[in-house]
Amino acid sequence: MFTGIIQATGRVAVVEPRGGDARLELAAGGLDMADVAAGDSIACNGVCLTVVGLRPEGFLVDVSAETLRCTCGFRLGDMVNLEKAMRLEDRLGGHLVSGHVDGTAQVVAFDPAGECMELVIRAPQELARYIVTKGSVAIDGVSLTVNRVDSADFSINLIPHTLQNTGLQVLRPGSCVNLEVDMLARYAERILNYSPRA
């Protein structure tokens, strides 16, 4: 489980294809690796991945073909948002983020709004119903608050701190992002629509 509060940005340093799967070496940037061991979970652009090895400047992860199909942001050189799995005593500064990306979405606009930037994203139709004004989403693993919703499009204001400390700074119209909707919305839908078989 994660909070969506990014701890560091890194880079995809090596991509080693393995059939349809891949092994990635991620440069950890400023992420404190002192307490990281093989088997630990790290959210990489919002995707919960298991550390399979350590390197002097980062760590290794294996990414399945299914994960590669359902996500984006793992090409050689890509900037990656990093967050270690939370501990029970950690402060929950963002919202509960599972690291199980629901799908990819597309940046429609990324424009200045005062000292901030307004990010407009188009969600897949099947996920749009979970996105509500003032609700939470995770974009490339970053916990964010939705400002407005217009059908499948939604907008977010990014403050300078978020821009300076996450990979969202490199987004442009047409960019692909990983989207995780609020898990509470999914549970609520399941509860409201559940109908046991006779």
Foldseek 3Di string as FASTA:
>chain_A
DFQQPFDAKWFFADWADDPLKTKTWIQGGPDDCPPPDFQFWKQKQLATFTFHAADPRTTMTIGHNVRPVFFDQNDGGGMIGIDTDDDPPDDNPAHDRDNPFPGKWFWAAWADDDQWIKTKIFDPQVCQVLADQQFWKRKRSHIFGWHDDDRRITIGIGHPVNLVGGSVVPDGGGDMITIDGDVVSVVVVCVVPDDDDD
